[in-house]
Amino acid sequence: MKQSEIKEASTAELQEALADSRKAYTELKMAHTISPLENPIQLRSQKRGIARIATELTNREVQ
């Protein structure tokens, strides 16, 4: 998700997206462990996406 999409999404949508992203990241890590990914940068971008969503959720809880 892009940052603008994250800011516009509701809290419930963000929590669902976070769960989906974490699941996808775990699957990518497992696939990379078994045989190297064609594009290992996917792992980094997926992890950064998770961090963006988690940060936005934390900011909303604080406010």
PDB file of N, CA and C in Angstrom:
ATOM      1  N   MET A   1       0.830  -1.175   0.000  1.00  0.00           N
ATOM      2  CA  MET A   1       0.000   0.000   0.000  1.00  0.00           C
ATOM      3  C   MET A   1       0.880   1.247   0.000  1.00  0.00           C
ATOM      4  N   LYS A   2       0.404   2.241  -0.699  1.00  0.00           N
ATOM      5  CA  LYS A   2       1.103   3.521  -0.712  1.00  0.00           C
ATOM      6  C   LYS A   2       0.743   4.296   0.554  1.00  0.00           C
ATOM      7  N   GLN A   3       1.591   5.257   0.891  1.00  0.00           N
ATOM      8  CA  GLN A   3       1.369   6.041   2.101  1.00  0.00           C
ATOM      9  C   GLN A   3       0.041   6.779   2.055  1.00  0.00           C
ATOM     10  N   SER A   4      -0.332   7.297   0.902  1.00  0.00           N
ATOM     11  CA  SER A   4      -1.604   8.025   0.791  1.00  0.00           C
ATOM     12  C   SER A   4      -2.785   7.078   1.010  1.00  0.00           C
ATOM     13  N   GLU A   5      -2.676   5.844   0.536  1.00  0.00           N
ATOM     14  CA  GLU A   5      -3.734   4.857   0.747  1.00  0.00           C
ATOM     15  C   GLU A   5      -3.834   4.478   2.214  1.00  0.00           C
ATOM     16  N   ILE A   6      -2.693   4.411   2.875  1.00  0.00           N
ATOM     17  CA  ILE A   6      -2.670   4.043   4.287  1.00  0.00           C
ATOM     18  C   ILE A   6      -3.355   5.110   5.126  1.00  0.00           C
ATOM     19  N   LYS A   7      -3.087   6.367   4.834  1.00  0.00           N
ATOM     20  CA  LYS A   7      -3.679   7.459   5.611  1.00  0.00           C
ATOM     21  C   LYS A   7      -5.189   7.542   5.413  1.00  0.00           C
ATOM     22  N   GLU A   8      -5.687   7.175   4.241  1.00  0.00           N
ATOM     23  CA  GLU A   8      -7.114   7.258   3.947  1.00  0.00           C
ATOM     24  C   GLU A   8      -7.897   6.051   4.452  1.00  0.00           C
ATOM     25  N   ALA A   9      -7.231   4.939   4.705  1.00  0.00           N
ATOM     26  CA  ALA A   9      -7.910   3.701   5.103  1.00  0.00           C
ATOM     27  C   ALA A   9      -8.383   3.790   6.548  1.00  0.00           C
ATOM     28  N   SER A  10      -9.427   3.030   6.838  1.00  0.00           N
ATOM     29  CA  SER A  10      -9.926   2.991   8.211  1.00  0.00           C
ATOM     30  C   SER A  10      -9.028   2.089   9.058  1.00  0.00           C
ATOM     31  N   THR A  11      -9.200   2.166  10.352  1.00  0.00           N
ATOM     32  CA  THR A  11      -8.381   1.375  11.271  1.00  0.00           C
ATOM     33  C   THR A  11      -8.609  -0.121  11.053  1.00  0.00           C
ATOM     34  N   ALA A  12      -9.851  -0.518  10.831  1.00  0.00           N
ATOM     35  CA  ALA A  12     -10.153  -1.932  10.604  1.00  0.00           C
ATOM     36  C   ALA A  12      -9.491  -2.425   9.321  1.00  0.00           C
ATOM     37  N   GLU A  13      -9.527  -1.604   8.295  1.00  0.00           N
ATOM     38  CA  GLU A  13      -8.886  -1.980   7.030  1.00  0.00           C
ATOM     39  C   GLU A  13      -7.381  -2.126   7.206  1.00  0.00           C
ATOM     40  N   LEU A  14      -6.794  -1.221   7.993  1.00  0.00           N
ATOM     41  CA  LEU A  14      -5.353  -1.280   8.229  1.00  0.00           C
ATOM     42  C   LEU A  14      -4.974  -2.532   9.010  1.00  0.00           C
ATOM     43  N   GLN A  15      -5.765  -2.896   9.996  1.00  0.00           N
ATOM     44  CA  GLN A  15      -5.477  -4.100  10.767  1.00  0.00           C
ATOM     45  C   GLN A  15      -5.552  -5.340   9.885  1.00  0.00           C
ATOM     46  N   GLU A  16      -6.525  -5.366   8.986  1.00  0.00           N
ATOM     47  CA  GLU A  16      -6.655  -6.488   8.056  1.00  0.00           C
ATOM     48  C   GLU A  16      -5.479  -6.512   7.083  1.00  0.00           C
ATOM     49  N   ALA A  17      -5.091  -5.353   6.581  1.00  0.00           N
ATOM     50  CA  ALA A  17      -3.960  -5.268   5.656  1.00  0.00           C
ATOM     51  C   ALA A  17      -2.667  -5.676   6.340  1.00  0.00           C
ATOM     52  N   LEU A  18      -2.527  -5.324   7.616  1.00  0.00           N
ATOM     53  CA  LEU A  18      -1.335  -5.696   8.373  1.00  0.00           C
ATOM     54  C   LEU A  18      -1.243  -7.205   8.524  1.00  0.00           C
ATOM     55  N   ALA A  19      -2.354  -7.843   8.839  1.00  0.00           N
ATOM     56  CA  ALA A  19      -2.365  -9.300   8.977  1.00  0.00           C
ATOM     57  C   ALA A  19      -2.028  -9.972   7.647  1.00  0.00           C
ATOM     58  N   ASP A  20      -2.618  -9.464   6.564  1.00  0.00           N
ATOM     59  CA  ASP A  20      -2.345 -10.030   5.242  1.00  0.00           C
ATOM     60  C   ASP A  20      -0.885  -9.838   4.841  1.00  0.00           C
ATOM     61  N   SER A  21      -0.343  -8.671   5.122  1.00  0.00           N
ATOM     62  CA  SER A  21       1.045  -8.376   4.768  1.00  0.00           C
ATOM     63  C   SER A  21       2.012  -9.243   5.549  1.00  0.00           C
ATOM     64  N   ARG A  22       1.720  -9.435   6.831  1.00  0.00           N
ATOM     65  CA  ARG A  22       2.591 -10.293   7.645  1.00  0.00           C
ATOM     66  C   ARG A  22       2.566 -11.732   7.146  1.00  0.00           C
ATOM     67  N   LYS A  23       1.389 -12.205   6.745  1.00  0.00           N
ATOM     68  CA  LYS A  23       1.274 -13.564   6.215  1.00  0.00           C
ATOM     69  C   LYS A  23       2.056 -13.684   4.905  1.00  0.00           C
ATOM     70  N   ALA A  24       1.922 -12.698   4.035  1.00  0.00           N
ATOM     71  CA  ALA A  24       2.634 -12.711   2.755  1.00  0.00           C
ATOM     72  C   ALA A  24       4.136 -12.657   2.966  1.00  0.00           C
ATOM     73  N   TYR A  25       4.586 -11.859   3.952  1.00  0.00           N
ATOM     74  CA  TYR A  25       6.012 -11.757   4.246  1.00  0.00           C
ATOM     75  C   TYR A  25       6.556 -13.099   4.741  1.00  0.00           C
ATOM     76  N   THR A  26       5.797 -13.761   5.603  1.00  0.00           N
ATOM     77  CA  THR A  26       6.221 -15.069   6.109  1.00  0.00           C
ATOM     78  C   THR A  26       6.337 -16.075   4.968  1.00  0.00           C
ATOM     79  N   GLU A  27       5.369 -16.065   4.067  1.00  0.00           N
ATOM     80  CA  GLU A  27       5.407 -16.977   2.927  1.00  0.00           C
ATOM     81  C   GLU A  27       6.605 -16.684   2.026  1.00  0.00           C
ATOM     82  N   LEU A  28       6.907 -15.402   1.818  1.00  0.00           N
ATOM     83  CA  LEU A  28       8.074 -15.041   1.007  1.00  0.00           C
ATOM     84  C   LEU A  28       9.372 -15.511   1.659  1.00  0.00           C
ATOM     85  N   LYS A  29       9.469 -15.341   2.977  1.00  0.00           N
ATOM     86  CA  LYS A  29      10.669 -15.786   3.684  1.00  0.00           C
ATOM     87  C   LYS A  29      10.854 -17.293   3.562  1.00  0.00           C
ATOM     88  N   MET A  30       9.762 -18.039   3.690  1.00  0.00           N
ATOM     89  CA  MET A  30       9.838 -19.497   3.566  1.00  0.00           C
ATOM     90  C   MET A  30      10.251 -19.894   2.152  1.00  0.00           C
ATOM     91  N   ALA A  31       9.676 -19.248   1.162  1.00  0.00           N
ATOM     92  CA  ALA A  31      10.016 -19.552  -0.225  1.00  0.00           C
ATOM     93  C   ALA A  31      11.473 -19.215  -0.502  1.00  0.00           C
ATOM     94  N   HIS A  32      11.969 -18.137   0.089  1.00  0.00           N
ATOM     95  CA  HIS A  32      13.360 -17.736  -0.116  1.00  0.00           C
ATOM     96  C   HIS A  32      14.310 -18.708   0.584  1.00  0.00           C
ATOM     97  N   THR A  33      13.888 -19.273   1.691  1.00  0.00           N
ATOM     98  CA  THR A  33      14.710 -20.243   2.407  1.00  0.00           C
ATOM     99  C   THR A  33      14.858 -21.528   1.602  1.00  0.00           C
ATOM    100  N   ILE A  34      13.787 -21.958   0.999  1.00  0.00           N
ATOM    101  CA  ILE A  34      13.796 -23.205   0.230  1.00  0.00           C
ATOM    102  C   ILE A  34      14.599 -23.043  -1.051  1.00  0.00           C
ATOM    103  N   SER A  35      14.286 -22.027  -1.797  1.00  0.00           N
ATOM    104  CA  SER A  35      15.044 -21.726  -3.011  1.00  0.00           C
ATOM    105  C   SER A  35      15.066 -20.217  -3.185  1.00  0.00           C
ATOM    106  N   PRO A  36      16.191 -19.659  -3.575  1.00  0.00           N
ATOM    107  CA  PRO A  36      16.298 -18.189  -3.657  1.00  0.00           C
ATOM    108  C   PRO A  36      15.228 -17.576  -4.556  1.00  0.00           C
ATOM    109  N   LEU A  37      14.704 -16.449  -4.093  1.00  0.00           N
ATOM    110  CA  LEU A  37      13.709 -15.729  -4.880  1.00  0.00           C
ATOM    111  C   LEU A  37      14.368 -15.092  -6.096  1.00  0.00           C
ATOM    112  N   GLU A  38      13.591 -14.936  -7.141  1.00  0.00           N
ATOM    113  CA  GLU A  38      14.100 -14.281  -8.340  1.00  0.00           C
ATOM    114  C   GLU A  38      14.406 -12.811  -8.034  1.00  0.00           C
ATOM    115  N   ASN A  39      13.576 -12.205  -7.180  1.00  0.00           N
ATOM    116  CA  ASN A  39      13.771 -10.806  -6.803  1.00  0.00           C
ATOM    117  C   ASN A  39      13.745 -10.704  -5.271  1.00  0.00           C
ATOM    118  N   PRO A  40      14.892 -10.840  -4.606  1.00  0.00           N
ATOM    119  CA  PRO A  40      14.901 -10.815  -3.146  1.00  0.00           C
ATOM    120  C   PRO A  40      14.567  -9.448  -2.543  1.00  0.00           C
ATOM    121  N   ILE A  41      14.515  -8.415  -3.365  1.00  0.00           N
ATOM    122  CA  ILE A  41      14.133  -7.090  -2.875  1.00  0.00           C
ATOM    123  C   ILE A  41      12.677  -7.092  -2.420  1.00  0.00           C
ATOM    124  N   GLN A  42      11.887  -8.074  -2.867  1.00  0.00           N
ATOM    125  CA  GLN A  42      10.502  -8.197  -2.431  1.00  0.00           C
ATOM    126  C   GLN A  42      10.416  -8.307  -0.916  1.00  0.00           C
ATOM    127  N   LEU A  43      11.378  -9.009  -0.308  1.00  0.00           N
ATOM    128  CA  LEU A  43      11.375  -9.162   1.135  1.00  0.00           C
ATOM    129  C   LEU A  43      11.489  -7.797   1.816  1.00  0.00           C
ATOM    130  N   ARG A  44      12.409  -6.977   1.344  1.00  0.00           N
ATOM    131  CA  ARG A  44      12.617  -5.658   1.929  1.00  0.00           C
ATOM    132  C   ARG A  44      11.390  -4.776   1.763  1.00  0.00           C
ATOM    133  N   SER A  45      10.823  -4.765   0.570  1.00  0.00           N
ATOM    134  CA  SER A  45       9.670  -3.899   0.331  1.00  0.00           C
ATOM    135  C   SER A  45       8.454  -4.362   1.139  1.00  0.00           C
ATOM    136  N   GLN A  46       8.299  -5.664   1.302  1.00  0.00           N
ATOM    137  CA  GLN A  46       7.188  -6.190   2.092  1.00  0.00           C
ATOM    138  C   GLN A  46       7.352  -5.804   3.566  1.00  0.00           C
ATOM    139  N   LYS A  47       8.585  -5.903   4.073  1.00  0.00           N
ATOM    140  CA  LYS A  47       8.847  -5.552   5.461  1.00  0.00           C
ATOM    141  C   LYS A  47       8.608  -4.060   5.700  1.00  0.00           C
ATOM    142  N   ARG A  48       9.003  -3.231   4.751  1.00  0.00           N
ATOM    143  CA  ARG A  48       8.788  -1.787   4.880  1.00  0.00           C
ATOM    144  C   ARG A  48       7.305  -1.439   4.834  1.00  0.00           C
ATOM    145  N   GLY A  49       6.556  -2.162   4.012  1.00  0.00           N
ATOM    146  CA  GLY A  49       5.109  -1.947   3.956  1.00  0.00           C
ATOM    147  C   GLY A  49       4.445  -2.278   5.282  1.00  0.00           C
ATOM    148  N   ILE A  50       4.893  -3.359   5.906  1.00  0.00           N
ATOM    149  CA  ILE A  50       4.373  -3.740   7.226  1.00  0.00           C
ATOM    150  C   ILE A  50       4.678  -2.637   8.232  1.00  0.00           C
ATOM    151  N   ALA A  51       5.885  -2.111   8.179  1.00  0.00           N
ATOM    152  CA  ALA A  51       6.279  -1.053   9.109  1.00  0.00           C
ATOM    153  C   ALA A  51       5.441   0.206   8.899  1.00  0.00           C
ATOM    154  N   ARG A  52       5.150   0.551   7.664  1.00  0.00           N
ATOM    155  CA  ARG A  52       4.330   1.738   7.386  1.00  0.00           C
ATOM    156  C   ARG A  52       2.937   1.594   7.988  1.00  0.00           C
ATOM    157  N   ILE A  53       2.346   0.427   7.794  1.00  0.00           N
ATOM    158  CA  ILE A  53       0.994   0.188   8.312  1.00  0.00           C
ATOM    159  C   ILE A  53       1.008   0.187   9.841  1.00  0.00           C
ATOM    160  N   ALA A  54       1.978  -0.493  10.433  1.00  0.00           N
ATOM    161  CA  ALA A  54       2.066  -0.556  11.892  1.00  0.00           C
ATOM    162  C   ALA A  54       2.290   0.830  12.487  1.00  0.00           C
ATOM    163  N   THR A  55       3.090   1.642  11.836  1.00  0.00           N
ATOM    164  CA  THR A  55       3.346   2.996  12.322  1.00  0.00           C
ATOM    165  C   THR A  55       2.070   3.827  12.295  1.00  0.00           C
ATOM    166  N   GLU A  56       1.316   3.738  11.231  1.00  0.00           N
ATOM    167  CA  GLU A  56       0.068   4.495  11.132  1.00  0.00           C
ATOM    168  C   GLU A  56      -0.917   4.041  12.211  1.00  0.00           C
ATOM    169  N   LEU A  57      -1.004   2.736  12.461  1.00  0.00           N
ATOM    170  CA  LEU A  57      -1.899   2.242  13.514  1.00  0.00           C
ATOM    171  C   LEU A  57      -1.462   2.766  14.884  1.00  0.00           C
ATOM    172  N   THR A  58      -0.168   2.783  15.139  1.00  0.00           N
ATOM    173  CA  THR A  58       0.340   3.297  16.405  1.00  0.00           C
ATOM    174  C   THR A  58       0.034   4.784  16.552  1.00  0.00           C
ATOM    175  N   ASN A  59       0.217   5.539  15.483  1.00  0.00           N
ATOM    176  CA  ASN A  59      -0.095   6.970  15.527  1.00  0.00           C
ATOM    177  C   ASN A  59      -1.567   7.220  15.824  1.00  0.00           C
ATOM    178  N   ARG A  60      -2.422   6.390  15.279  1.00  0.00           N
ATOM    179  CA  ARG A  60      -3.854   6.559  15.527  1.00  0.00           C
ATOM    180  C   ARG A  60      -4.215   6.213  16.963  1.00  0.00           C
ATOM    181  N   GLU A  61      -3.534   5.231  17.556  1.00  0.00           N
ATOM    182  CA  GLU A  61      -3.808   4.867  18.938  1.00  0.00           C
ATOM    183  C   GLU A  61      -3.377   5.973  19.893  1.00  0.00           C
ATOM    184  N   VAL A  62      -2.279   6.645  19.576  1.00  0.00           N
ATOM    185  CA  VAL A  62      -1.752   7.698  20.436  1.00  0.00           C
ATOM    186  C   VAL A  62      -2.686   8.903  20.437  1.00  0.00           C
ATOM    187  N   GLN A  63      -3.256   9.216  19.304  1.00  0.00           N
ATOM    188  CA  GLN A  63      -4.111  10.412  19.195  1.00  0.00           C
ATOM    189  C   GLN A  63      -5.469  10.203  19.744  1.00  0.00           C
TER     190      GLN A  63
END
